[in-house]
Amino acid sequence: MTVPDFELNLGLARNVELDVDGAFTYEPRLRGTERWNGDALWTSLKLGLLDWHLGTRQQTQAIAVGLQLGPRLPTYNSGKGVGYAALGLLGYTVGGTQIALNAGYAIEPGAAVGSGRPSAFQAGLDLCQPLRLHSRFALLGELAAVRYVSPDPYEFNVSAGLAYTQSDNLSLSLSLIALAGRLPNGDHVAVLLGISPSFALF
């Protein structure tokens, strides 16, 4: 099974970002058949609410608080109706190390309008640690958990990987991440390849 995931992030102001996040699942079948499914498309605004800069000349520290919220729109085979998701964001930076915590709640599009639909509490903890030997490389780690309120199986995943970032007029980040799931009904093993270009429009 392959899961092409895509994200589009557009900075509208210093503390406002428009995000579009979605994924499709391709699952080959026996006897030449195949199946495509789409996850709900999350169109959200990411808002920077507060930030503090601390530390000394030798070691800078920063804390930031934000909010990400918006509708989850149905796509191919992902249900009907409109869902919604909201996350609280907390980021901490010390030196080059970045730690991010997010937690919130999501309601997915349902099988039919007015029917029950998946809904869950979500939380994630991310770590980005630049390597001292080469500043363009960084170690990545993540813990992610989903606890459904609806009758769906819980999820818990652990991932770790390596990222390379080239910053010139066009910033390009490449990442290779291995993911493992601890619960029987979730993802067990996956390898993720990420390509993230970024550039200034104005």
N, C-alpha and C. Protein backbone atom coordinates (compact mmCIF):
# COMPACT_ATOMS: atom_id res chain seq x y z
N MET A 1 0.85 -1.18 0.00
CA MET A 1 0.00 0.00 0.00
C MET A 1 0.89 1.24 0.00
N THR A 2 0.54 2.25 -0.79
CA THR A 2 1.26 3.52 -0.81
C THR A 2 0.30 4.64 -0.42
N VAL A 3 0.83 5.66 0.26
CA VAL A 3 0.01 6.76 0.75
C VAL A 3 0.66 8.08 0.34
N PRO A 4 0.37 8.60 -0.87
CA PRO A 4 0.88 9.91 -1.24
C PRO A 4 0.22 11.00 -0.40
N ASP A 5 1.04 11.75 0.32
CA ASP A 5 0.55 12.82 1.20
C ASP A 5 1.05 14.14 0.65
N PHE A 6 0.22 15.18 0.71
CA PHE A 6 0.65 16.48 0.20
C PHE A 6 0.23 17.58 1.17
N GLU A 7 1.03 18.63 1.24
CA GLU A 7 0.74 19.79 2.06
C GLU A 7 1.11 21.05 1.28
N LEU A 8 0.26 22.06 1.38
CA LEU A 8 0.53 23.37 0.79
C LEU A 8 0.39 24.40 1.91
N ASN A 9 1.47 25.12 2.20
CA ASN A 9 1.47 26.12 3.27
C ASN A 9 1.80 27.48 2.67
N LEU A 10 0.92 28.45 2.89
CA LEU A 10 1.09 29.78 2.34
C LEU A 10 1.06 30.80 3.47
N GLY A 11 2.17 31.50 3.67
CA GLY A 11 2.23 32.53 4.70
C GLY A 11 1.50 33.79 4.26
N LEU A 12 0.45 34.16 4.98
CA LEU A 12 -0.34 35.34 4.64
C LEU A 12 0.13 36.58 5.40
N ALA A 13 0.68 36.38 6.57
CA ALA A 13 1.21 37.46 7.41
C ALA A 13 2.27 36.85 8.32
N ARG A 14 2.87 37.68 9.16
CA ARG A 14 3.95 37.20 10.03
C ARG A 14 3.48 36.07 10.93
N ASN A 15 2.23 36.11 11.38
CA ASN A 15 1.72 35.10 12.32
C ASN A 15 0.46 34.40 11.81
N VAL A 16 0.25 34.40 10.48
CA VAL A 16 -0.92 33.75 9.89
C VAL A 16 -0.48 32.92 8.68
N GLU A 17 -0.89 31.64 8.66
CA GLU A 17 -0.52 30.75 7.57
C GLU A 17 -1.74 29.95 7.13
N LEU A 18 -1.92 29.84 5.82
CA LEU A 18 -2.99 29.01 5.26
C LEU A 18 -2.40 27.66 4.89
N ASP A 19 -3.00 26.57 5.41
CA ASP A 19 -2.51 25.21 5.17
C ASP A 19 -3.59 24.38 4.48
N VAL A 20 -3.17 23.59 3.50
CA VAL A 20 -4.04 22.59 2.87
C VAL A 20 -3.31 21.26 2.96
N ASP A 21 -3.93 20.27 3.60
CA ASP A 21 -3.27 19.00 3.91
C ASP A 21 -4.19 17.85 3.54
N GLY A 22 -3.69 16.90 2.75
CA GLY A 22 -4.51 15.76 2.36
C GLY A 22 -3.66 14.57 2.00
N ALA A 23 -4.30 13.43 1.75
CA ALA A 23 -3.58 12.21 1.39
C ALA A 23 -4.53 11.29 0.62
N PHE A 24 -3.91 10.47 -0.24
CA PHE A 24 -4.65 9.44 -0.97
C PHE A 24 -3.98 8.10 -0.70
N THR A 25 -4.77 7.05 -0.68
CA THR A 25 -4.25 5.71 -0.44
C THR A 25 -4.46 4.85 -1.68
N TYR A 26 -3.35 4.26 -2.14
CA TYR A 26 -3.43 3.33 -3.26
C TYR A 26 -3.15 1.93 -2.74
N GLU A 27 -4.12 1.02 -2.93
CA GLU A 27 -4.00 -0.34 -2.40
C GLU A 27 -4.19 -1.34 -3.53
N PRO A 28 -3.09 -1.95 -4.01
CA PRO A 28 -3.24 -2.96 -5.07
C PRO A 28 -3.96 -4.20 -4.56
N ARG A 29 -4.74 -4.81 -5.44
CA ARG A 29 -5.52 -6.00 -5.08
C ARG A 29 -5.09 -7.20 -5.90
N LEU A 30 -5.54 -8.37 -5.52
CA LEU A 30 -5.27 -9.57 -6.28
C LEU A 30 -6.07 -9.56 -7.59
N ARG A 31 -5.64 -10.36 -8.56
CA ARG A 31 -6.31 -10.51 -9.86
C ARG A 31 -6.38 -9.21 -10.64
N GLY A 32 -5.39 -8.36 -10.43
CA GLY A 32 -5.29 -7.16 -11.24
C GLY A 32 -6.18 -6.00 -10.83
N THR A 33 -6.96 -6.14 -9.77
CA THR A 33 -7.80 -5.03 -9.33
C THR A 33 -7.02 -4.13 -8.39
N GLU A 34 -7.51 -2.91 -8.20
CA GLU A 34 -6.85 -1.96 -7.32
C GLU A 34 -7.90 -1.03 -6.73
N ARG A 35 -7.50 -0.28 -5.70
CA ARG A 35 -8.46 0.60 -5.04
C ARG A 35 -7.77 1.88 -4.61
N TRP A 36 -8.43 3.01 -4.88
CA TRP A 36 -7.97 4.32 -4.43
C TRP A 36 -8.95 4.85 -3.40
N ASN A 37 -8.41 5.45 -2.35
CA ASN A 37 -9.23 6.13 -1.34
C ASN A 37 -8.59 7.46 -1.01
N GLY A 38 -9.40 8.41 -0.60
CA GLY A 38 -8.87 9.72 -0.23
C GLY A 38 -9.19 10.06 1.21
N ASP A 39 -8.23 10.64 1.92
CA ASP A 39 -8.50 11.17 3.25
C ASP A 39 -9.20 12.52 3.13
N ALA A 40 -9.83 12.95 4.21
CA ALA A 40 -10.46 14.27 4.21
C ALA A 40 -9.40 15.34 3.99
N LEU A 41 -9.75 16.37 3.25
CA LEU A 41 -8.84 17.48 2.95
C LEU A 41 -8.99 18.54 4.04
N TRP A 42 -7.92 18.76 4.80
CA TRP A 42 -7.97 19.73 5.89
C TRP A 42 -7.47 21.08 5.38
N THR A 43 -8.39 22.04 5.30
CA THR A 43 -8.06 23.41 4.93
C THR A 43 -8.13 24.25 6.19
N SER A 44 -6.98 24.74 6.65
CA SER A 44 -6.94 25.36 7.97
C SER A 44 -6.13 26.64 7.97
N LEU A 45 -6.35 27.43 9.00
CA LEU A 45 -5.52 28.59 9.29
C LEU A 45 -4.66 28.27 10.51
N LYS A 46 -3.37 28.58 10.41
CA LYS A 46 -2.46 28.41 11.54
C LYS A 46 -2.12 29.81 12.06
N LEU A 47 -2.44 30.06 13.33
CA LEU A 47 -2.32 31.39 13.91
C LEU A 47 -1.26 31.38 15.01
N GLY A 48 -0.30 32.28 14.92
CA GLY A 48 0.65 32.48 16.00
C GLY A 48 0.08 33.47 17.00
N LEU A 49 -0.14 33.04 18.22
CA LEU A 49 -0.81 33.87 19.21
C LEU A 49 0.17 34.62 20.11
N LEU A 50 1.15 33.91 20.67
CA LEU A 50 2.10 34.53 21.60
C LEU A 50 3.47 33.93 21.37
N ASP A 51 4.52 34.72 21.63
CA ASP A 51 5.87 34.18 21.60
C ASP A 51 6.77 34.97 22.54
N TRP A 52 7.71 34.26 23.13
CA TRP A 52 8.67 34.86 24.06
C TRP A 52 10.08 34.45 23.64
N HIS A 53 11.01 35.40 23.70
CA HIS A 53 12.41 35.13 23.39
C HIS A 53 13.21 35.29 24.67
N LEU A 54 13.97 34.25 25.01
CA LEU A 54 14.71 34.20 26.26
C LEU A 54 16.17 33.87 25.96
N GLY A 55 16.93 33.66 27.04
CA GLY A 55 18.29 33.16 26.89
C GLY A 55 19.34 34.25 26.87
N THR A 56 20.55 33.84 26.52
CA THR A 56 21.70 34.73 26.50
C THR A 56 22.29 34.77 25.10
N ARG A 57 23.40 35.48 24.95
CA ARG A 57 24.06 35.53 23.65
C ARG A 57 24.60 34.17 23.23
N GLN A 58 24.99 33.36 24.21
CA GLN A 58 25.53 32.05 23.91
C GLN A 58 24.46 31.03 23.55
N GLN A 59 23.26 31.16 24.13
CA GLN A 59 22.20 30.18 23.89
C GLN A 59 20.84 30.86 23.92
N THR A 60 20.22 30.96 22.74
CA THR A 60 18.91 31.59 22.65
C THR A 60 17.82 30.55 22.90
N GLN A 61 16.73 31.03 23.48
CA GLN A 61 15.56 30.19 23.72
C GLN A 61 14.31 30.95 23.28
N ALA A 62 13.32 30.22 22.81
CA ALA A 62 12.07 30.84 22.39
C ALA A 62 10.92 29.88 22.68
N ILE A 63 9.78 30.44 23.05
CA ILE A 63 8.54 29.70 23.28
C ILE A 63 7.45 30.36 22.45
N ALA A 64 6.67 29.55 21.74
CA ALA A 64 5.59 30.08 20.91
C ALA A 64 4.32 29.28 21.14
N VAL A 65 3.20 29.97 21.13
CA VAL A 65 1.88 29.37 21.31
C VAL A 65 1.03 29.72 20.10
N GLY A 66 0.34 28.72 19.54
CA GLY A 66 -0.47 28.96 18.37
C GLY A 66 -1.72 28.11 18.34
N LEU A 67 -2.47 28.25 17.24
CA LEU A 67 -3.73 27.54 17.06
C LEU A 67 -3.89 27.23 15.58
N GLN A 68 -4.33 26.01 15.29
CA GLN A 68 -4.61 25.62 13.91
C GLN A 68 -6.02 25.05 13.87
N LEU A 69 -6.87 25.60 12.99
CA LEU A 69 -8.26 25.15 12.93
C LEU A 69 -8.83 25.37 11.55
N GLY A 70 -9.81 24.52 11.20
CA GLY A 70 -10.47 24.67 9.92
C GLY A 70 -11.28 23.44 9.56
N PRO A 71 -12.05 23.50 8.45
CA PRO A 71 -12.91 22.39 8.06
C PRO A 71 -12.12 21.24 7.43
N ARG A 72 -12.65 20.03 7.56
CA ARG A 72 -12.12 18.84 6.89
C ARG A 72 -13.14 18.45 5.82
N LEU A 73 -12.72 18.60 4.55
CA LEU A 73 -13.64 18.45 3.43
C LEU A 73 -13.57 17.04 2.86
N PRO A 74 -14.70 16.47 2.46
CA PRO A 74 -14.69 15.11 1.92
C PRO A 74 -14.01 15.07 0.55
N THR A 75 -13.31 13.97 0.26
CA THR A 75 -12.72 13.72 -1.04
C THR A 75 -13.17 12.35 -1.52
N TYR A 76 -12.46 11.77 -2.47
CA TYR A 76 -12.86 10.50 -3.07
C TYR A 76 -12.95 9.39 -2.03
N ASN A 77 -14.12 8.84 -1.82
CA ASN A 77 -14.38 7.74 -0.89
C ASN A 77 -14.08 8.08 0.57
N SER A 78 -14.05 9.37 0.93
CA SER A 78 -13.74 9.72 2.32
C SER A 78 -14.98 10.09 3.13
N GLY A 79 -16.18 9.91 2.56
CA GLY A 79 -17.40 10.21 3.30
C GLY A 79 -18.11 11.43 2.74
N LYS A 80 -19.18 11.82 3.44
CA LYS A 80 -19.99 12.96 3.03
C LYS A 80 -20.12 13.92 4.20
N GLY A 81 -20.52 15.14 3.87
CA GLY A 81 -20.62 16.15 4.91
C GLY A 81 -19.26 16.77 5.19
N VAL A 82 -19.23 17.78 6.03
CA VAL A 82 -18.00 18.50 6.35
C VAL A 82 -17.63 18.25 7.81
N GLY A 83 -16.39 17.88 8.04
CA GLY A 83 -15.89 17.72 9.40
C GLY A 83 -15.16 18.98 9.85
N TYR A 84 -14.47 18.86 10.98
CA TYR A 84 -13.76 20.02 11.52
C TYR A 84 -12.63 19.53 12.42
N ALA A 85 -11.56 20.29 12.50
CA ALA A 85 -10.45 19.95 13.39
C ALA A 85 -9.85 21.22 13.96
N ALA A 86 -9.41 21.15 15.21
CA ALA A 86 -8.75 22.27 15.88
C ALA A 86 -7.62 21.72 16.75
N LEU A 87 -6.45 22.34 16.65
CA LEU A 87 -5.28 21.92 17.42
C LEU A 87 -4.67 23.12 18.14
N GLY A 88 -4.27 22.91 19.38
CA GLY A 88 -3.45 23.88 20.08
C GLY A 88 -1.99 23.53 19.84
N LEU A 89 -1.14 24.54 19.63
CA LEU A 89 0.26 24.34 19.27
C LEU A 89 1.16 25.00 20.30
N LEU A 90 2.20 24.28 20.71
CA LEU A 90 3.19 24.82 21.64
C LEU A 90 4.57 24.44 21.14
N GLY A 91 5.41 25.45 20.89
CA GLY A 91 6.75 25.20 20.38
C GLY A 91 7.82 25.75 21.30
N TYR A 92 8.92 25.02 21.41
CA TYR A 92 10.05 25.45 22.25
C TYR A 92 11.35 25.25 21.47
N THR A 93 12.18 26.28 21.43
CA THR A 93 13.46 26.22 20.73
C THR A 93 14.56 26.61 21.68
N VAL A 94 15.61 25.79 21.73
CA VAL A 94 16.78 26.12 22.53
C VAL A 94 18.00 25.78 21.69
N GLY A 95 18.84 26.78 21.42
CA GLY A 95 19.93 26.56 20.48
C GLY A 95 19.35 26.22 19.13
N GLY A 96 19.71 25.07 18.56
CA GLY A 96 19.11 24.63 17.31
C GLY A 96 18.05 23.57 17.49
N THR A 97 17.83 23.11 18.72
CA THR A 97 16.85 22.06 18.99
C THR A 97 15.43 22.63 18.99
N GLN A 98 14.52 21.96 18.29
CA GLN A 98 13.12 22.40 18.23
C GLN A 98 12.22 21.28 18.74
N ILE A 99 11.34 21.63 19.66
CA ILE A 99 10.36 20.69 20.21
C ILE A 99 8.97 21.29 20.01
N ALA A 100 8.04 20.51 19.48
CA ALA A 100 6.69 20.99 19.23
C ALA A 100 5.67 20.00 19.79
N LEU A 101 4.67 20.54 20.48
CA LEU A 101 3.58 19.75 21.02
C LEU A 101 2.28 20.25 20.43
N ASN A 102 1.44 19.35 19.93
CA ASN A 102 0.11 19.74 19.45
C ASN A 102 -0.92 18.79 20.03
N ALA A 103 -2.09 19.32 20.32
CA ALA A 103 -3.18 18.52 20.88
C ALA A 103 -4.50 19.18 20.50
N GLY A 104 -5.49 18.34 20.20
CA GLY A 104 -6.78 18.90 19.82
C GLY A 104 -7.81 17.82 19.54
N TYR A 105 -8.80 18.19 18.73
CA TYR A 105 -9.95 17.32 18.49
C TYR A 105 -10.35 17.43 17.02
N ALA A 106 -10.77 16.30 16.43
CA ALA A 106 -11.16 16.28 15.02
C ALA A 106 -12.44 15.48 14.85
N ILE A 107 -13.31 15.98 13.98
CA ILE A 107 -14.52 15.28 13.55
C ILE A 107 -14.41 15.10 12.05
N GLU A 108 -14.45 13.85 11.59
CA GLU A 108 -14.27 13.55 10.18
C GLU A 108 -15.61 13.59 9.44
N PRO A 109 -15.55 13.75 8.10
CA PRO A 109 -16.79 13.57 7.32
C PRO A 109 -17.36 12.18 7.55
N GLY A 110 -18.70 12.07 7.55
CA GLY A 110 -19.34 10.80 7.85
C GLY A 110 -19.69 10.01 6.61
N ALA A 111 -20.17 8.78 6.80
CA ALA A 111 -20.59 7.94 5.68
C ALA A 111 -21.79 8.53 4.97
N ALA A 112 -22.59 9.30 5.70
CA ALA A 112 -23.73 9.99 5.11
C ALA A 112 -24.06 11.17 6.01
N VAL A 113 -24.66 12.18 5.42
CA VAL A 113 -25.02 13.36 6.19
C VAL A 113 -26.00 12.98 7.28
N GLY A 114 -25.71 13.36 8.52
CA GLY A 114 -26.58 13.05 9.64
C GLY A 114 -26.23 11.73 10.32
N SER A 115 -25.33 10.93 9.74
CA SER A 115 -24.96 9.67 10.37
C SER A 115 -23.79 9.89 11.30
N GLY A 116 -23.48 8.86 12.11
CA GLY A 116 -22.33 8.95 12.97
C GLY A 116 -21.05 9.08 12.16
N ARG A 117 -20.09 9.82 12.68
CA ARG A 117 -18.85 10.02 11.96
C ARG A 117 -17.68 9.90 12.93
N PRO A 118 -16.51 9.45 12.46
CA PRO A 118 -15.36 9.32 13.35
C PRO A 118 -15.00 10.65 14.00
N SER A 119 -14.73 10.61 15.30
CA SER A 119 -14.29 11.80 16.02
C SER A 119 -13.30 11.36 17.09
N ALA A 120 -12.25 12.18 17.32
CA ALA A 120 -11.18 11.71 18.19
C ALA A 120 -10.38 12.87 18.76
N PHE A 121 -9.80 12.63 19.93
CA PHE A 121 -8.77 13.49 20.48
C PHE A 121 -7.43 13.09 19.87
N GLN A 122 -6.61 14.08 19.52
CA GLN A 122 -5.32 13.81 18.89
C GLN A 122 -4.22 14.55 19.64
N ALA A 123 -3.03 13.95 19.65
CA ALA A 123 -1.88 14.61 20.27
C ALA A 123 -0.60 14.15 19.59
N GLY A 124 0.38 15.03 19.52
CA GLY A 124 1.64 14.69 18.90
C GLY A 124 2.79 15.46 19.53
N LEU A 125 3.95 14.83 19.58
CA LEU A 125 5.16 15.47 20.11
C LEU A 125 6.26 15.28 19.07
N ASP A 126 6.85 16.39 18.59
CA ASP A 126 7.85 16.36 17.53
C ASP A 126 9.18 16.91 18.04
N LEU A 127 10.26 16.34 17.53
CA LEU A 127 11.61 16.78 17.88
C LEU A 127 12.42 16.92 16.61
N CYS A 128 13.17 18.03 16.50
CA CYS A 128 14.10 18.26 15.40
C CYS A 128 15.44 18.67 16.01
N GLN A 129 16.46 17.84 15.81
CA GLN A 129 17.78 18.08 16.41
C GLN A 129 18.85 18.17 15.31
N PRO A 130 19.33 19.38 14.98
CA PRO A 130 20.40 19.50 13.98
C PRO A 130 21.67 18.77 14.43
N LEU A 131 22.37 18.20 13.47
CA LEU A 131 23.61 17.50 13.77
C LEU A 131 24.76 18.51 13.85
N ARG A 132 25.60 18.35 14.84
CA ARG A 132 26.73 19.26 15.02
C ARG A 132 27.76 19.13 13.91
N LEU A 133 27.92 17.91 13.36
CA LEU A 133 28.93 17.69 12.34
C LEU A 133 28.57 18.35 11.01
N HIS A 134 27.27 18.48 10.74
CA HIS A 134 26.82 19.10 9.48
C HIS A 134 25.48 19.74 9.74
N SER A 135 25.43 21.08 9.72
CA SER A 135 24.22 21.81 10.14
C SER A 135 23.05 21.60 9.19
N ARG A 136 23.29 21.12 7.97
CA ARG A 136 22.18 20.93 7.03
C ARG A 136 21.41 19.64 7.30
N PHE A 137 21.98 18.77 8.13
CA PHE A 137 21.30 17.52 8.47
C PHE A 137 20.69 17.63 9.88
N ALA A 138 19.54 16.98 10.07
CA ALA A 138 18.89 16.99 11.38
C ALA A 138 18.20 15.66 11.63
N LEU A 139 18.20 15.25 12.89
CA LEU A 139 17.46 14.06 13.30
C LEU A 139 16.02 14.46 13.62
N LEU A 140 15.06 13.62 13.21
CA LEU A 140 13.64 13.88 13.43
C LEU A 140 13.05 12.76 14.27
N GLY A 141 12.14 13.09 15.15
CA GLY A 141 11.42 12.09 15.94
C GLY A 141 10.01 12.56 16.24
N GLU A 142 9.09 11.62 16.38
CA GLU A 142 7.70 11.99 16.65
C GLU A 142 6.98 10.87 17.40
N LEU A 143 6.13 11.27 18.34
CA LEU A 143 5.15 10.39 18.98
C LEU A 143 3.77 10.94 18.63
N ALA A 144 2.87 10.07 18.19
CA ALA A 144 1.53 10.52 17.81
C ALA A 144 0.49 9.54 18.34
N ALA A 145 -0.58 10.07 18.90
CA ALA A 145 -1.64 9.23 19.48
C ALA A 145 -3.00 9.78 19.09
N VAL A 146 -3.94 8.88 18.83
CA VAL A 146 -5.33 9.24 18.51
C VAL A 146 -6.24 8.38 19.37
N ARG A 147 -7.10 9.04 20.15
CA ARG A 147 -8.08 8.33 20.99
C ARG A 147 -9.48 8.68 20.50
N TYR A 148 -10.14 7.71 19.88
CA TYR A 148 -11.44 7.96 19.28
C TYR A 148 -12.54 7.99 20.34
N VAL A 149 -13.46 8.93 20.16
CA VAL A 149 -14.69 8.95 20.94
C VAL A 149 -15.73 8.06 20.28
N SER A 150 -15.69 8.01 18.94
CA SER A 150 -16.54 7.10 18.18
C SER A 150 -15.99 5.67 18.29
N PRO A 151 -16.77 4.66 17.91
CA PRO A 151 -16.31 3.27 18.04
C PRO A 151 -15.29 2.89 16.96
N ASP A 152 -14.11 3.48 17.02
CA ASP A 152 -13.03 3.19 16.09
C ASP A 152 -11.78 2.82 16.89
N PRO A 153 -10.87 2.02 16.32
CA PRO A 153 -9.67 1.60 17.06
C PRO A 153 -8.72 2.76 17.32
N TYR A 154 -8.11 2.76 18.51
CA TYR A 154 -7.14 3.79 18.86
C TYR A 154 -5.88 3.63 18.00
N GLU A 155 -5.08 4.70 17.94
CA GLU A 155 -3.85 4.68 17.17
C GLU A 155 -2.71 5.24 18.01
N PHE A 156 -1.52 4.65 17.85
CA PHE A 156 -0.31 5.17 18.49
C PHE A 156 0.87 4.83 17.60
N ASN A 157 1.62 5.86 17.17
CA ASN A 157 2.73 5.66 16.25
C ASN A 157 3.99 6.33 16.78
N VAL A 158 5.13 5.73 16.45
CA VAL A 158 6.44 6.29 16.76
C VAL A 158 7.21 6.38 15.45
N SER A 159 7.87 7.51 15.20
CA SER A 159 8.64 7.64 13.97
C SER A 159 9.98 8.31 14.26
N ALA A 160 10.97 8.00 13.42
CA ALA A 160 12.30 8.58 13.53
C ALA A 160 12.90 8.65 12.14
N GLY A 161 13.72 9.67 11.90
CA GLY A 161 14.30 9.80 10.57
C GLY A 161 15.37 10.86 10.50
N LEU A 162 15.74 11.19 9.27
CA LEU A 162 16.82 12.14 8.99
C LEU A 162 16.33 13.11 7.93
N ALA A 163 16.67 14.40 8.10
CA ALA A 163 16.27 15.42 7.14
C ALA A 163 17.51 16.19 6.67
N TYR A 164 17.46 16.61 5.40
CA TYR A 164 18.51 17.44 4.82
C TYR A 164 17.86 18.69 4.27
N THR A 165 18.41 19.87 4.59
CA THR A 165 17.82 21.14 4.15
C THR A 165 18.87 21.96 3.42
N GLN A 166 18.52 22.39 2.21
CA GLN A 166 19.37 23.28 1.42
C GLN A 166 18.67 24.63 1.35
N SER A 167 19.32 25.69 1.83
CA SER A 167 18.69 27.02 1.90
C SER A 167 19.46 28.00 1.02
N ASP A 168 18.86 28.36 -0.11
CA ASP A 168 19.36 29.42 -0.99
C ASP A 168 18.15 30.26 -1.36
N ASN A 169 18.05 30.65 -2.64
CA ASN A 169 16.84 31.35 -3.07
C ASN A 169 15.62 30.42 -2.98
N LEU A 170 15.85 29.14 -3.28
CA LEU A 170 14.82 28.12 -3.11
C LEU A 170 15.26 27.18 -2.00
N SER A 171 14.49 27.12 -0.91
CA SER A 171 14.80 26.23 0.19
C SER A 171 14.17 24.86 -0.09
N LEU A 172 14.98 23.82 0.03
CA LEU A 172 14.51 22.47 -0.25
C LEU A 172 14.88 21.56 0.91
N SER A 173 13.88 20.84 1.43
CA SER A 173 14.11 19.91 2.52
C SER A 173 13.73 18.50 2.08
N LEU A 174 14.64 17.55 2.29
CA LEU A 174 14.41 16.14 1.98
C LEU A 174 14.45 15.34 3.28
N SER A 175 13.55 14.40 3.44
CA SER A 175 13.51 13.62 4.67
C SER A 175 13.22 12.16 4.37
N LEU A 176 13.76 11.28 5.21
CA LEU A 176 13.49 9.86 5.15
C LEU A 176 13.15 9.40 6.57
N ILE A 177 11.93 8.89 6.76
CA ILE A 177 11.41 8.60 8.09
C ILE A 177 10.86 7.18 8.14
N ALA A 178 11.18 6.47 9.20
CA ALA A 178 10.61 5.14 9.46
C ALA A 178 9.55 5.28 10.55
N LEU A 179 8.40 4.64 10.35
CA LEU A 179 7.27 4.73 11.28
C LEU A 179 6.90 3.33 11.75
N ALA A 180 6.57 3.21 13.03
CA ALA A 180 6.12 1.94 13.60
C ALA A 180 4.91 2.20 14.48
N GLY A 181 3.91 1.31 14.39
CA GLY A 181 2.71 1.41 15.20
C GLY A 181 2.68 0.35 16.28
N ARG A 182 2.12 0.69 17.45
CA ARG A 182 2.12 -0.21 18.59
C ARG A 182 0.77 -0.90 18.82
N LEU A 183 -0.28 -0.43 18.15
CA LEU A 183 -1.60 -1.02 18.37
C LEU A 183 -1.98 -1.90 17.19
N PRO A 184 -2.74 -2.98 17.42
CA PRO A 184 -2.98 -3.98 16.37
C PRO A 184 -3.78 -3.47 15.19
N ASN A 185 -4.65 -2.47 15.38
CA ASN A 185 -5.51 -2.01 14.29
C ASN A 185 -4.97 -0.79 13.55
N GLY A 186 -3.78 -0.31 13.92
CA GLY A 186 -3.19 0.84 13.26
C GLY A 186 -2.11 0.44 12.27
N ASP A 187 -1.37 1.45 11.78
CA ASP A 187 -0.25 1.19 10.89
C ASP A 187 0.85 0.50 11.67
N HIS A 188 1.43 -0.55 11.09
CA HIS A 188 2.47 -1.31 11.78
C HIS A 188 3.86 -0.83 11.40
N VAL A 189 4.17 -0.78 10.11
CA VAL A 189 5.49 -0.35 9.64
C VAL A 189 5.29 0.47 8.37
N ALA A 190 6.03 1.56 8.25
CA ALA A 190 5.98 2.37 7.04
C ALA A 190 7.30 3.11 6.87
N VAL A 191 7.64 3.40 5.63
CA VAL A 191 8.79 4.24 5.31
C VAL A 191 8.28 5.43 4.51
N LEU A 192 8.62 6.63 4.96
CA LEU A 192 8.10 7.86 4.38
C LEU A 192 9.24 8.68 3.78
N LEU A 193 9.06 9.09 2.52
CA LEU A 193 10.01 9.96 1.84
C LEU A 193 9.36 11.32 1.65
N GLY A 194 9.98 12.38 2.17
CA GLY A 194 9.40 13.72 2.09
C GLY A 194 10.23 14.64 1.23
N ILE A 195 9.56 15.46 0.42
CA ILE A 195 10.19 16.49 -0.42
C ILE A 195 9.43 17.79 -0.16
N SER A 196 10.11 18.81 0.40
CA SER A 196 9.42 20.04 0.81
C SER A 196 10.17 21.27 0.28
N PRO A 197 9.77 21.80 -0.89
CA PRO A 197 10.36 23.05 -1.36
C PRO A 197 9.63 24.24 -0.76
N SER A 198 10.32 25.36 -0.57
CA SER A 198 9.69 26.58 -0.10
C SER A 198 10.40 27.78 -0.72
N PHE A 199 9.63 28.83 -1.03
CA PHE A 199 10.19 30.01 -1.66
C PHE A 199 9.29 31.21 -1.37
N ALA A 200 9.83 32.39 -1.56
CA ALA A 200 9.09 33.63 -1.31
C ALA A 200 8.33 34.05 -2.55
N LEU A 201 7.04 34.32 -2.38
CA LEU A 201 6.21 34.81 -3.48
C LEU A 201 6.28 36.33 -3.60
N PHE A 202 6.41 37.01 -2.47
CA PHE A 202 6.45 38.49 -2.45
C PHE A 202 7.15 38.96 -1.21
